[in-house]
């Protein structure tokens, strides 16, 4: 789930329409997991076709993406490469949580407790090879760029943003700021009312924008110091120091300058801390990508999704929406260009 900086961040809530004309690099895994988690049957079962293949992610990609493009937002989807060896423990912990949640979901279904079943089911989502490849296939047929990162997808998205190839990174995680994105957009693909994990409460979820420069200035730290703070708190690559949360780590880093100063002050050692720093500050990137969208391959989209039991009418309706939005945006751009002559 990345680092927890929620207690320090004051994001700007925006309407999707305010992002018209923007291009974003979407953390594909993060977004697909959202679709797998949220788009489910009342008992928590994922959407599936007649062959038992999961289709929640395909529904999310088609309909949520059409919504983004209708708002004038052009996404590029960035997929993770091989995980860093230091992430092994985090991945193992996530598998254990999923397995436990799966058992609890099955029990809740047997008991007829659909509210609990749905809650537990949301914690069981997993990325399979079939889900990953079918996602890439549909995204490509929709004419949207697919970028294969050599390492962490968030790092690659942040790199693309730092180069000015896109305006922002789109992810739920705050890690994008550590990776150096100038702008982070959260809740872009999923808005509305969502259940608070572990509580019988709901909250309104709105799209948020965080500008890294303003965020760092407000905290009074550099990006390098923010990375050191998060190593103290705990990242996907290390467990952190017990008892140190966002506010305490900020105080410690501002008092002692950097991680080495804090470790000396507390008489502790954090194994591999320089390697963890390098993951965030000097990750691996590729320049072999394009962020330019292409035409939709309508026949391929329809054929693929009909094979997953989607109805042709609904699929074509989503495609019509995308094409109409692009045509309208192109027309407005041409009009603005013409007006500039007068």
C-alpha atoms as a PDB file:
ATOM      1  CA  UNK A   1       0.000   0.000   0.000  1.00  0.00           C
ATOM      2  CA  UNK A   2       2.998   2.301   0.034  1.00  0.00           C
ATOM      3  CA  UNK A   3       3.927   4.879   2.646  1.00  0.00           C
ATOM      4  CA  UNK A   4       1.361   6.522   4.903  1.00  0.00           C
ATOM      5  CA  UNK A   5       1.580  10.313   4.745  1.00  0.00           C
ATOM      6  CA  UNK A   6      -2.121  11.044   5.154  1.00  0.00           C
ATOM      7  CA  UNK A   7      -1.571  12.950   8.398  1.00  0.00           C
ATOM      8  CA  UNK A   8       0.757  15.416   6.701  1.00  0.00           C
ATOM      9  CA  UNK A   9      -0.912  15.953   3.336  1.00  0.00           C
ATOM     10  CA  UNK A  10      -3.599  18.505   2.564  1.00  0.00           C
ATOM     11  CA  UNK A  11      -4.579  17.688  -1.027  1.00  0.00           C
ATOM     12  CA  UNK A  12      -6.651  19.946  -3.246  1.00  0.00           C
ATOM     13  CA  UNK A  13     -10.049  18.434  -4.067  1.00  0.00           C
ATOM     14  CA  UNK A  14     -10.965  18.921  -7.737  1.00  0.00           C
ATOM     15  CA  UNK A  15     -13.645  17.903 -10.196  1.00  0.00           C
ATOM     16  CA  UNK A  16     -12.517  15.687 -13.047  1.00  0.00           C
ATOM     17  CA  UNK A  17     -13.683  18.372 -15.454  1.00  0.00           C
ATOM     18  CA  UNK A  18     -10.969  20.659 -14.024  1.00  0.00           C
ATOM     19  CA  UNK A  19      -8.349  18.281 -15.425  1.00  0.00           C
ATOM     20  CA  UNK A  20      -9.532  18.689 -19.016  1.00  0.00           C
ATOM     21  CA  UNK A  21      -6.641  18.788 -21.437  1.00  0.00           C
ATOM     22  CA  UNK A  22      -4.304  17.003 -19.024  1.00  0.00           C
ATOM     23  CA  UNK A  23      -2.423  13.789 -19.698  1.00  0.00           C
ATOM     24  CA  UNK A  24      -1.636  11.428 -16.836  1.00  0.00           C
ATOM     25  CA  UNK A  25       0.563   8.382 -16.296  1.00  0.00           C
ATOM     26  CA  UNK A  26      -1.625   5.863 -14.480  1.00  0.00           C
ATOM     27  CA  UNK A  27      -0.143   3.346 -12.061  1.00  0.00           C
ATOM     28  CA  UNK A  28      -1.780   0.389 -13.828  1.00  0.00           C
ATOM     29  CA  UNK A  29      -1.425  -2.215 -11.076  1.00  0.00           C
ATOM     30  CA  UNK A  30      -2.751   0.170  -8.451  1.00  0.00           C
ATOM     31  CA  UNK A  31      -5.747   1.060 -10.608  1.00  0.00           C
ATOM     32  CA  UNK A  32      -6.534  -2.512 -11.664  1.00  0.00           C
ATOM     33  CA  UNK A  33      -6.451  -3.623  -8.036  1.00  0.00           C
ATOM     34  CA  UNK A  34      -9.014  -0.916  -7.314  1.00  0.00           C
ATOM     35  CA  UNK A  35     -11.293  -2.272 -10.028  1.00  0.00           C
ATOM     36  CA  UNK A  36     -10.860  -5.833  -8.771  1.00  0.00           C
ATOM     37  CA  UNK A  37     -11.623  -4.713  -5.228  1.00  0.00           C
ATOM     38  CA  UNK A  38     -14.653  -2.512  -5.859  1.00  0.00           C
ATOM     39  CA  UNK A  39     -16.433  -3.964  -8.897  1.00  0.00           C
ATOM     40  CA  UNK A  40     -18.056  -7.033  -7.342  1.00  0.00           C
ATOM     41  CA  UNK A  41     -21.320  -8.883  -6.832  1.00  0.00           C
ATOM     42  CA  UNK A  42     -23.384  -8.205  -3.651  1.00  0.00           C
ATOM     43  CA  UNK A  43     -21.794 -11.215  -1.896  1.00  0.00           C
ATOM     44  CA  UNK A  44     -18.300 -10.012  -2.814  1.00  0.00           C
ATOM     45  CA  UNK A  45     -17.740 -12.358  -5.740  1.00  0.00           C
ATOM     46  CA  UNK A  46     -15.880 -10.681  -8.609  1.00  0.00           C
ATOM     47  CA  UNK A  47     -17.655 -10.206 -11.925  1.00  0.00           C
ATOM     48  CA  UNK A  48     -16.990 -13.273 -14.074  1.00  0.00           C
ATOM     49  CA  UNK A  49     -17.964 -14.558 -17.505  1.00  0.00           C
ATOM     50  CA  UNK A  50     -19.612 -17.894 -18.204  1.00  0.00           C
ATOM     51  CA  UNK A  51     -16.243 -19.637 -18.129  1.00  0.00           C
ATOM     52  CA  UNK A  52     -15.418 -18.319 -14.662  1.00  0.00           C
ATOM     53  CA  UNK A  53     -12.855 -15.764 -15.872  1.00  0.00           C
ATOM     54  CA  UNK A  54     -12.740 -12.555 -13.818  1.00  0.00           C
ATOM     55  CA  UNK A  55     -13.992  -9.522 -15.722  1.00  0.00           C
ATOM     56  CA  UNK A  56     -14.125  -6.825 -13.003  1.00  0.00           C
ATOM     57  CA  UNK A  57     -10.915  -5.265 -14.294  1.00  0.00           C
ATOM     58  CA  UNK A  58     -12.132  -5.190 -17.902  1.00  0.00           C
ATOM     59  CA  UNK A  59     -15.355  -3.486 -16.846  1.00  0.00           C
ATOM     60  CA  UNK A  60     -13.373  -0.888 -14.923  1.00  0.00           C
ATOM     61  CA  UNK A  61     -10.931  -0.246 -17.740  1.00  0.00           C
ATOM     62  CA  UNK A  62     -13.701   0.185 -20.334  1.00  0.00           C
ATOM     63  CA  UNK A  63     -16.232   2.278 -18.428  1.00  0.00           C
ATOM     64  CA  UNK A  64     -13.983   4.282 -16.072  1.00  0.00           C
ATOM     65  CA  UNK A  65     -11.548   5.054 -18.881  1.00  0.00           C
ATOM     66  CA  UNK A  66     -14.387   6.226 -21.113  1.00  0.00           C
ATOM     67  CA  UNK A  67     -15.400   8.542 -18.261  1.00  0.00           C
ATOM     68  CA  UNK A  68     -11.883   9.990 -18.009  1.00  0.00           C
ATOM     69  CA  UNK A  69     -11.607  10.603 -21.721  1.00  0.00           C
ATOM     70  CA  UNK A  70     -15.074  12.167 -21.809  1.00  0.00           C
ATOM     71  CA  UNK A  71     -13.695  14.665 -19.267  1.00  0.00           C
ATOM     72  CA  UNK A  72     -10.782  15.455 -21.580  1.00  0.00           C
ATOM     73  CA  UNK A  73      -8.176  13.426 -19.667  1.00  0.00           C
ATOM     74  CA  UNK A  74      -5.803  11.206 -21.660  1.00  0.00           C
ATOM     75  CA  UNK A  75      -4.257   8.340 -19.638  1.00  0.00           C
ATOM     76  CA  UNK A  76      -1.160   6.256 -20.294  1.00  0.00           C
ATOM     77  CA  UNK A  77      -1.056   2.999 -18.310  1.00  0.00           C
ATOM     78  CA  UNK A  78       2.268   2.116 -16.686  1.00  0.00           C
ATOM     79  CA  UNK A  79       2.775  -1.516 -15.657  1.00  0.00           C
ATOM     80  CA  UNK A  80       5.232  -2.721 -13.009  1.00  0.00           C
ATOM     81  CA  UNK A  81       8.343  -4.628 -13.915  1.00  0.00           C
ATOM     82  CA  UNK A  82       9.982  -7.209 -11.650  1.00  0.00           C
ATOM     83  CA  UNK A  83       9.631  -6.313  -7.943  1.00  0.00           C
ATOM     84  CA  UNK A  84      12.753  -5.369  -6.002  1.00  0.00           C
ATOM     85  CA  UNK A  85      14.101  -8.127  -3.764  1.00  0.00           C
ATOM     86  CA  UNK A  86      13.555  -5.892  -0.717  1.00  0.00           C
ATOM     87  CA  UNK A  87       9.811  -6.002  -1.432  1.00  0.00           C
ATOM     88  CA  UNK A  88       9.681  -9.769  -0.864  1.00  0.00           C
ATOM     89  CA  UNK A  89       8.559  -9.531   2.760  1.00  0.00           C
ATOM     90  CA  UNK A  90       5.799  -7.044   1.910  1.00  0.00           C
ATOM     91  CA  UNK A  91       4.508  -9.249  -0.906  1.00  0.00           C
ATOM     92  CA  UNK A  92       4.511 -12.297   1.384  1.00  0.00           C
ATOM     93  CA  UNK A  93       2.577 -10.348   4.023  1.00  0.00           C
ATOM     94  CA  UNK A  94       0.007  -9.294   1.428  1.00  0.00           C
ATOM     95  CA  UNK A  95      -0.465 -12.908   0.332  1.00  0.00           C
ATOM     96  CA  UNK A  96      -1.081 -13.935   3.937  1.00  0.00           C
ATOM     97  CA  UNK A  97      -3.669 -11.167   4.364  1.00  0.00           C
ATOM     98  CA  UNK A  98      -5.427 -12.213   1.152  1.00  0.00           C
ATOM     99  CA  UNK A  99      -5.504 -15.865   2.187  1.00  0.00           C
ATOM    100  CA  UNK A 100      -6.930 -14.949   5.600  1.00  0.00           C
ATOM    101  CA  UNK A 101      -9.525 -12.644   4.039  1.00  0.00           C
ATOM    102  CA  UNK A 102     -10.516 -15.375   1.576  1.00  0.00           C
ATOM    103  CA  UNK A 103     -11.224 -17.800   4.415  1.00  0.00           C
ATOM    104  CA  UNK A 104     -13.213 -15.138   6.265  1.00  0.00           C
ATOM    105  CA  UNK A 105     -15.171 -14.311   3.103  1.00  0.00           C
ATOM    106  CA  UNK A 106     -16.109 -17.951   2.544  1.00  0.00           C
ATOM    107  CA  UNK A 107     -17.300 -18.231   6.139  1.00  0.00           C
ATOM    108  CA  UNK A 108     -19.338 -15.007   5.882  1.00  0.00           C
ATOM    109  CA  UNK A 109     -21.004 -16.249   2.697  1.00  0.00           C
ATOM    110  CA  UNK A 110     -21.919 -19.516   4.418  1.00  0.00           C
ATOM    111  CA  UNK A 111     -23.391 -17.531   7.319  1.00  0.00           C
ATOM    112  CA  UNK A 112     -25.348 -15.306   4.942  1.00  0.00           C
ATOM    113  CA  UNK A 113     -23.643 -12.128   6.185  1.00  0.00           C
ATOM    114  CA  UNK A 114     -23.364 -10.354   2.831  1.00  0.00           C
ATOM    115  CA  UNK A 115     -22.128  -7.053   4.280  1.00  0.00           C
ATOM    116  CA  UNK A 116     -19.172  -8.765   5.939  1.00  0.00           C
ATOM    117  CA  UNK A 117     -18.657 -11.013   2.927  1.00  0.00           C
ATOM    118  CA  UNK A 118     -18.347  -8.024   0.592  1.00  0.00           C
ATOM    119  CA  UNK A 119     -15.925  -6.288   2.967  1.00  0.00           C
ATOM    120  CA  UNK A 120     -13.687  -9.354   3.240  1.00  0.00           C
ATOM    121  CA  UNK A 121     -13.864 -10.083  -0.477  1.00  0.00           C
ATOM    122  CA  UNK A 122     -12.438  -6.657  -1.272  1.00  0.00           C
ATOM    123  CA  UNK A 123      -9.239  -7.730   0.487  1.00  0.00           C
ATOM    124  CA  UNK A 124      -8.787 -10.876  -1.636  1.00  0.00           C
ATOM    125  CA  UNK A 125      -7.943  -9.279  -4.998  1.00  0.00           C
ATOM    126  CA  UNK A 126      -4.877 -10.659  -6.733  1.00  0.00           C
ATOM    127  CA  UNK A 127      -3.142  -9.892 -10.009  1.00  0.00           C
ATOM    128  CA  UNK A 128      -2.904 -12.999 -12.176  1.00  0.00           C
ATOM    129  CA  UNK A 129      -1.065 -13.311 -15.475  1.00  0.00           C
ATOM    130  CA  UNK A 130      -4.432 -13.556 -17.264  1.00  0.00           C
ATOM    131  CA  UNK A 131      -5.724 -10.373 -15.618  1.00  0.00           C
ATOM    132  CA  UNK A 132      -2.513  -8.496 -16.411  1.00  0.00           C
ATOM    133  CA  UNK A 133      -2.381  -9.563 -20.062  1.00  0.00           C
ATOM    134  CA  UNK A 134      -6.099  -9.095 -20.752  1.00  0.00           C
ATOM    135  CA  UNK A 135      -5.828  -5.610 -19.237  1.00  0.00           C
ATOM    136  CA  UNK A 136      -2.952  -4.725 -21.559  1.00  0.00           C
ATOM    137  CA  UNK A 137      -4.834  -6.151 -24.525  1.00  0.00           C
ATOM    138  CA  UNK A 138      -7.957  -4.085 -23.890  1.00  0.00           C
ATOM    139  CA  UNK A 139      -6.017  -0.900 -23.139  1.00  0.00           C
ATOM    140  CA  UNK A 140      -4.121  -1.301 -26.415  1.00  0.00           C
ATOM    141  CA  UNK A 141      -7.318  -1.906 -28.417  1.00  0.00           C
ATOM    142  CA  UNK A 142      -8.728   1.280 -26.862  1.00  0.00           C
ATOM    143  CA  UNK A 143      -5.817   3.154 -28.435  1.00  0.00           C
ATOM    144  CA  UNK A 144      -4.246   4.055 -25.111  1.00  0.00           C
ATOM    145  CA  UNK A 145      -0.486   3.910 -24.436  1.00  0.00           C
ATOM    146  CA  UNK A 146       0.891   0.966 -22.455  1.00  0.00           C
ATOM    147  CA  UNK A 147       4.281   1.468 -20.802  1.00  0.00           C
ATOM    148  CA  UNK A 148       6.242  -1.466 -19.371  1.00  0.00           C
ATOM    149  CA  UNK A 149       8.404  -0.179 -16.536  1.00  0.00           C
ATOM    150  CA  UNK A 150      11.747  -1.886 -15.893  1.00  0.00           C
ATOM    151  CA  UNK A 151      11.061  -1.739 -12.149  1.00  0.00           C
ATOM    152  CA  UNK A 152       8.355   0.011 -10.128  1.00  0.00           C
ATOM    153  CA  UNK A 153       5.491   1.419 -12.199  1.00  0.00           C
ATOM    154  CA  UNK A 154       5.132   4.433  -9.902  1.00  0.00           C
ATOM    155  CA  UNK A 155       8.800   5.262 -10.405  1.00  0.00           C
ATOM    156  CA  UNK A 156       8.371   5.155 -14.184  1.00  0.00           C
ATOM    157  CA  UNK A 157       5.199   7.264 -14.044  1.00  0.00           C
ATOM    158  CA  UNK A 158       6.971   9.836 -11.869  1.00  0.00           C
ATOM    159  CA  UNK A 159       9.888   9.895 -14.339  1.00  0.00           C
ATOM    160  CA  UNK A 160       7.503  10.534 -17.250  1.00  0.00           C
ATOM    161  CA  UNK A 161       5.923  13.360 -15.300  1.00  0.00           C
ATOM    162  CA  UNK A 162       9.269  14.883 -14.327  1.00  0.00           C
ATOM    163  CA  UNK A 163      10.224  14.969 -18.029  1.00  0.00           C
ATOM    164  CA  UNK A 164       7.022  16.822 -18.858  1.00  0.00           C
ATOM    165  CA  UNK A 165       5.645  14.013 -21.034  1.00  0.00           C
ATOM    166  CA  UNK A 166       2.551  13.892 -18.816  1.00  0.00           C
ATOM    167  CA  UNK A 167       1.115  16.394 -16.381  1.00  0.00           C
ATOM    168  CA  UNK A 168       0.711  14.070 -13.401  1.00  0.00           C
ATOM    169  CA  UNK A 169       1.067  10.580 -11.996  1.00  0.00           C
ATOM    170  CA  UNK A 170      -2.205   8.916 -11.027  1.00  0.00           C
ATOM    171  CA  UNK A 171      -2.070   6.542  -8.066  1.00  0.00           C
ATOM    172  CA  UNK A 172      -3.611   6.008  -4.654  1.00  0.00           C
ATOM    173  CA  UNK A 173      -0.176   5.751  -3.050  1.00  0.00           C
ATOM    174  CA  UNK A 174       1.940   8.647  -1.826  1.00  0.00           C
ATOM    175  CA  UNK A 175       5.065   6.823  -3.027  1.00  0.00           C
ATOM    176  CA  UNK A 176       4.796   8.768  -6.292  1.00  0.00           C
ATOM    177  CA  UNK A 177       5.991  11.883  -4.434  1.00  0.00           C
ATOM    178  CA  UNK A 178       9.028   9.999  -3.123  1.00  0.00           C
ATOM    179  CA  UNK A 179       9.746   8.841  -6.669  1.00  0.00           C
ATOM    180  CA  UNK A 180       9.795  12.477  -7.768  1.00  0.00           C
ATOM    181  CA  UNK A 181       6.526  13.207  -9.541  1.00  0.00           C
ATOM    182  CA  UNK A 182       5.782  16.950  -9.738  1.00  0.00           C
ATOM    183  CA  UNK A 183       2.020  16.276  -9.506  1.00  0.00           C
ATOM    184  CA  UNK A 184       0.073  13.388  -7.986  1.00  0.00           C
ATOM    185  CA  UNK A 185      -3.609  12.733  -8.701  1.00  0.00           C
ATOM    186  CA  UNK A 186      -5.472  10.449  -6.307  1.00  0.00           C
ATOM    187  CA  UNK A 187      -8.971   8.953  -6.617  1.00  0.00           C
ATOM    188  CA  UNK A 188      -9.031   9.691 -10.339  1.00  0.00           C
ATOM    189  CA  UNK A 189     -10.564   6.414 -11.463  1.00  0.00           C
ATOM    190  CA  UNK A 190     -12.792   5.773  -8.441  1.00  0.00           C
ATOM    191  CA  UNK A 191     -14.948   8.457  -6.860  1.00  0.00           C
ATOM    192  CA  UNK A 192     -18.260   8.546  -4.971  1.00  0.00           C
ATOM    193  CA  UNK A 193     -19.099   6.895  -1.657  1.00  0.00           C
ATOM    194  CA  UNK A 194     -16.771   4.178  -0.397  1.00  0.00           C
ATOM    195  CA  UNK A 195     -16.789   2.063   2.734  1.00  0.00           C
ATOM    196  CA  UNK A 196     -14.148   2.821   5.361  1.00  0.00           C
ATOM    197  CA  UNK A 197     -12.067  -0.379   5.772  1.00  0.00           C
ATOM    198  CA  UNK A 198     -12.926  -2.246   8.976  1.00  0.00           C
ATOM    199  CA  UNK A 199     -15.789   0.111   9.901  1.00  0.00           C
ATOM    200  CA  UNK A 200     -19.491   0.290   9.173  1.00  0.00           C
ATOM    201  CA  UNK A 201     -19.027   3.795   7.796  1.00  0.00           C
ATOM    202  CA  UNK A 202     -18.877   5.404   4.376  1.00  0.00           C
ATOM    203  CA  UNK A 203     -17.038   8.469   3.143  1.00  0.00           C
ATOM    204  CA  UNK A 204     -17.226  10.634   0.058  1.00  0.00           C
ATOM    205  CA  UNK A 205     -14.237  10.075  -2.206  1.00  0.00           C
ATOM    206  CA  UNK A 206     -13.207  12.956  -4.444  1.00  0.00           C
ATOM    207  CA  UNK A 207     -10.408  13.392  -6.908  1.00  0.00           C
ATOM    208  CA  UNK A 208      -7.397  15.035  -5.250  1.00  0.00           C
ATOM    209  CA  UNK A 209      -4.296  16.780  -6.583  1.00  0.00           C
ATOM    210  CA  UNK A 210      -1.055  17.116  -4.647  1.00  0.00           C
ATOM    211  CA  UNK A 211       1.727  19.333  -5.981  1.00  0.00           C
ATOM    212  CA  UNK A 212       5.016  17.956  -4.714  1.00  0.00           C
ATOM    213  CA  UNK A 213       6.828  21.287  -4.636  1.00  0.00           C
ATOM    214  CA  UNK A 214       4.173  22.912  -2.462  1.00  0.00           C
ATOM    215  CA  UNK A 215       3.883  19.844  -0.259  1.00  0.00           C
ATOM    216  CA  UNK A 216       7.623  19.730   0.443  1.00  0.00           C
ATOM    217  CA  UNK A 217       7.735  23.477   1.019  1.00  0.00           C
ATOM    218  CA  UNK A 218       4.881  23.244   3.527  1.00  0.00           C
ATOM    219  CA  UNK A 219       6.717  20.509   5.436  1.00  0.00           C
ATOM    220  CA  UNK A 220      10.017  22.351   5.242  1.00  0.00           C
ATOM    221  CA  UNK A 221      11.955  19.343   3.918  1.00  0.00           C
ATOM    222  CA  UNK A 222      13.600  18.251   0.694  1.00  0.00           C
ATOM    223  CA  UNK A 223      12.552  15.213  -1.305  1.00  0.00           C
ATOM    224  CA  UNK A 224      15.622  13.390   0.013  1.00  0.00           C
ATOM    225  CA  UNK A 225      14.589  14.172   3.588  1.00  0.00           C
ATOM    226  CA  UNK A 226      11.043  12.991   2.840  1.00  0.00           C
ATOM    227  CA  UNK A 227      12.452   9.666   1.679  1.00  0.00           C
ATOM    228  CA  UNK A 228      14.428   9.412   4.925  1.00  0.00           C
ATOM    229  CA  UNK A 229      11.265  10.194   6.885  1.00  0.00           C
ATOM    230  CA  UNK A 230       9.415   7.395   5.150  1.00  0.00           C
ATOM    231  CA  UNK A 231      12.204   4.892   5.777  1.00  0.00           C
ATOM    232  CA  UNK A 232      11.705   5.656   9.469  1.00  0.00           C
ATOM    233  CA  UNK A 233       7.922   5.228   9.139  1.00  0.00           C
ATOM    234  CA  UNK A 234       8.171   2.097   7.008  1.00  0.00           C
ATOM    235  CA  UNK A 235       7.900   1.506   3.261  1.00  0.00           C
ATOM    236  CA  UNK A 236       7.189  -1.439   0.991  1.00  0.00           C
ATOM    237  CA  UNK A 237      10.917  -2.179   1.277  1.00  0.00           C
ATOM    238  CA  UNK A 238      11.412  -2.012   5.069  1.00  0.00           C
ATOM    239  CA  UNK A 239       9.238  -2.320   8.197  1.00  0.00           C
ATOM    240  CA  UNK A 240      10.156   1.021   9.784  1.00  0.00           C
ATOM    241  CA  UNK A 241      10.803   1.798  13.433  1.00  0.00           C
ATOM    242  CA  UNK A 242       8.050   0.967  15.954  1.00  0.00           C
ATOM    243  CA  UNK A 243       6.465   4.066  17.451  1.00  0.00           C
ATOM    244  CA  UNK A 244       7.526   6.413  14.645  1.00  0.00           C
ATOM    245  CA  UNK A 245       4.715   7.801  12.514  1.00  0.00           C
ATOM    246  CA  UNK A 246       4.569  10.660  10.006  1.00  0.00           C
ATOM    247  CA  UNK A 247       4.633  13.543  12.504  1.00  0.00           C
ATOM    248  CA  UNK A 248       7.387  12.099  14.666  1.00  0.00           C
ATOM    249  CA  UNK A 249       9.546  11.235  11.668  1.00  0.00           C
ATOM    250  CA  UNK A 250       9.162  14.795  10.387  1.00  0.00           C
ATOM    251  CA  UNK A 251      10.268  16.196  13.740  1.00  0.00           C
ATOM    252  CA  UNK A 252      13.255  13.838  13.910  1.00  0.00           C
ATOM    253  CA  UNK A 253      14.466  14.568  10.386  1.00  0.00           C
ATOM    254  CA  UNK A 254      14.113  18.328  10.830  1.00  0.00           C
ATOM    255  CA  UNK A 255      15.992  18.112  14.130  1.00  0.00           C
ATOM    256  CA  UNK A 256      18.820  15.838  12.947  1.00  0.00           C
ATOM    257  CA  UNK A 257      19.023  16.573   9.217  1.00  0.00           C
ATOM    258  CA  UNK A 258      18.961  13.110   7.715  1.00  0.00           C
ATOM    259  CA  UNK A 259      18.504   9.424   8.422  1.00  0.00           C
ATOM    260  CA  UNK A 260      22.061   8.930   9.609  1.00  0.00           C
ATOM    261  CA  UNK A 261      21.612  11.721  12.138  1.00  0.00           C
ATOM    262  CA  UNK A 262      18.391  10.157  13.440  1.00  0.00           C
ATOM    263  CA  UNK A 263      19.912   6.672  13.646  1.00  0.00           C
ATOM    264  CA  UNK A 264      22.844   8.067  15.612  1.00  0.00           C
ATOM    265  CA  UNK A 265      20.498   9.974  17.931  1.00  0.00           C
ATOM    266  CA  UNK A 266      18.328   6.898  18.566  1.00  0.00           C
ATOM    267  CA  UNK A 267      21.267   4.452  18.600  1.00  0.00           C
ATOM    268  CA  UNK A 268      19.618   2.266  15.952  1.00  0.00           C
ATOM    269  CA  UNK A 269      20.511   0.866  12.566  1.00  0.00           C
ATOM    270  CA  UNK A 270      18.192   0.361   9.602  1.00  0.00           C
ATOM    271  CA  UNK A 271      19.559  -2.373   7.342  1.00  0.00           C
ATOM    272  CA  UNK A 272      19.905  -1.529   3.632  1.00  0.00           C
ATOM    273  CA  UNK A 273      18.819   2.069   4.206  1.00  0.00           C
ATOM    274  CA  UNK A 274      21.012   3.405   1.384  1.00  0.00           C
ATOM    275  CA  UNK A 275      19.634   0.794  -0.997  1.00  0.00           C
ATOM    276  CA  UNK A 276      16.091   1.808  -0.040  1.00  0.00           C
ATOM    277  CA  UNK A 277      16.963   5.450  -0.675  1.00  0.00           C
ATOM    278  CA  UNK A 278      18.246   4.519  -4.125  1.00  0.00           C
ATOM    279  CA  UNK A 279      15.004   2.713  -4.961  1.00  0.00           C
ATOM    280  CA  UNK A 280      13.153   6.018  -4.559  1.00  0.00           C
ATOM    281  CA  UNK A 281      15.810   8.459  -5.724  1.00  0.00           C
ATOM    282  CA  UNK A 282      17.649   6.489  -8.428  1.00  0.00           C
ATOM    283  CA  UNK A 283      15.249   3.882  -9.779  1.00  0.00           C
ATOM    284  CA  UNK A 284      15.429   2.245 -13.209  1.00  0.00           C
ATOM    285  CA  UNK A 285      13.499   3.926 -16.019  1.00  0.00           C
ATOM    286  CA  UNK A 286      12.862   3.502 -19.706  1.00  0.00           C
ATOM    287  CA  UNK A 287      12.565   6.141 -22.412  1.00  0.00           C
ATOM    288  CA  UNK A 288      11.060   3.581 -24.785  1.00  0.00           C
ATOM    289  CA  UNK A 289       7.482   4.766 -24.621  1.00  0.00           C
ATOM    290  CA  UNK A 290       4.951   7.065 -26.251  1.00  0.00           C
ATOM    291  CA  UNK A 291       2.113   8.913 -24.539  1.00  0.00           C
ATOM    292  CA  UNK A 292       0.260   9.644 -27.781  1.00  0.00           C
ATOM    293  CA  UNK A 293      -3.145   7.935 -28.037  1.00  0.00           C
ATOM    294  CA  UNK A 294      -4.191   6.223 -31.257  1.00  0.00           C
ATOM    295  CA  UNK A 295      -7.502   5.325 -32.857  1.00  0.00           C
ATOM    296  CA  UNK A 296      -9.734   2.776 -31.157  1.00  0.00           C
ATOM    297  CA  UNK A 297      -9.792  -0.647 -32.801  1.00  0.00           C
ATOM    298  CA  UNK A 298     -13.548  -0.975 -32.405  1.00  0.00           C
ATOM    299  CA  UNK A 299     -13.822  -4.413 -33.972  1.00  0.00           C
ATOM    300  CA  UNK A 300     -11.089  -5.799 -31.703  1.00  0.00           C
ATOM    301  CA  UNK A 301     -12.625  -4.280 -28.549  1.00  0.00           C
ATOM    302  CA  UNK A 302     -16.082  -5.634 -29.357  1.00  0.00           C
ATOM    303  CA  UNK A 303     -14.794  -9.074 -30.316  1.00  0.00           C
ATOM    304  CA  UNK A 304     -12.653  -9.341 -27.182  1.00  0.00           C
ATOM    305  CA  UNK A 305     -15.314  -8.204 -24.745  1.00  0.00           C
ATOM    306  CA  UNK A 306     -18.108 -10.222 -26.345  1.00  0.00           C
ATOM    307  CA  UNK A 307     -15.810 -13.174 -25.713  1.00  0.00           C
ATOM    308  CA  UNK A 308     -16.014 -12.240 -22.026  1.00  0.00           C
ATOM    309  CA  UNK A 309     -19.844 -12.050 -22.202  1.00  0.00           C
ATOM    310  CA  UNK A 310     -20.083  -8.254 -22.390  1.00  0.00           C
ATOM    311  CA  UNK A 311     -23.097  -7.035 -24.357  1.00  0.00           C
ATOM    312  CA  UNK A 312     -22.268  -5.434 -27.692  1.00  0.00           C
ATOM    313  CA  UNK A 313     -24.666  -2.548 -27.070  1.00  0.00           C
ATOM    314  CA  UNK A 314     -22.989  -1.453 -23.822  1.00  0.00           C
ATOM    315  CA  UNK A 315     -19.483  -1.830 -25.272  1.00  0.00           C
ATOM    316  CA  UNK A 316     -20.311   0.215 -28.351  1.00  0.00           C
ATOM    317  CA  UNK A 317     -21.972   2.830 -26.159  1.00  0.00           C
ATOM    318  CA  UNK A 318     -18.724   3.292 -24.208  1.00  0.00           C
ATOM    319  CA  UNK A 319     -16.700   3.474 -27.421  1.00  0.00           C
ATOM    320  CA  UNK A 320     -19.112   6.038 -28.899  1.00  0.00           C
ATOM    321  CA  UNK A 321     -18.623   8.125 -25.765  1.00  0.00           C
ATOM    322  CA  UNK A 322     -14.823   8.056 -26.129  1.00  0.00           C
ATOM    323  CA  UNK A 323     -14.892   8.936 -29.820  1.00  0.00           C
ATOM    324  CA  UNK A 324     -17.439  11.726 -29.319  1.00  0.00           C
ATOM    325  CA  UNK A 325     -15.339  13.235 -26.512  1.00  0.00           C
ATOM    326  CA  UNK A 326     -12.157  13.185 -28.580  1.00  0.00           C
ATOM    327  CA  UNK A 327     -13.948  14.712 -31.545  1.00  0.00           C
ATOM    328  CA  UNK A 328     -15.363  17.479 -29.358  1.00  0.00           C
ATOM    329  CA  UNK A 329     -11.979  18.217 -27.761  1.00  0.00           C
ATOM    330  CA  UNK A 330     -10.281  18.295 -31.171  1.00  0.00           C
ATOM    331  CA  UNK A 331     -12.923  20.698 -32.427  1.00  0.00           C
ATOM    332  CA  UNK A 332     -12.474  23.040 -29.465  1.00  0.00           C
ATOM    333  CA  UNK A 333      -8.694  23.009 -29.934  1.00  0.00           C
ATOM    334  CA  UNK A 334      -9.102  23.879 -33.607  1.00  0.00           C
ATOM    335  CA  UNK A 335     -11.467  26.720 -32.722  1.00  0.00           C
ATOM    336  CA  UNK A 336      -9.041  28.139 -30.160  1.00  0.00           C
ATOM    337  CA  UNK A 337      -6.255  27.930 -32.727  1.00  0.00           C
ATOM    338  CA  UNK A 338      -8.436  29.751 -35.267  1.00  0.00           C
ATOM    339  CA  UNK A 339      -9.444  32.397 -32.730  1.00  0.00           C
ATOM    340  CA  UNK A 340      -5.778  33.146 -32.041  1.00  0.00           C
ATOM    341  CA  UNK A 341      -5.498  34.586 -35.531  1.00  0.00           C
ATOM    342  CA  UNK A 342      -8.045  37.334 -34.800  1.00  0.00           C
END
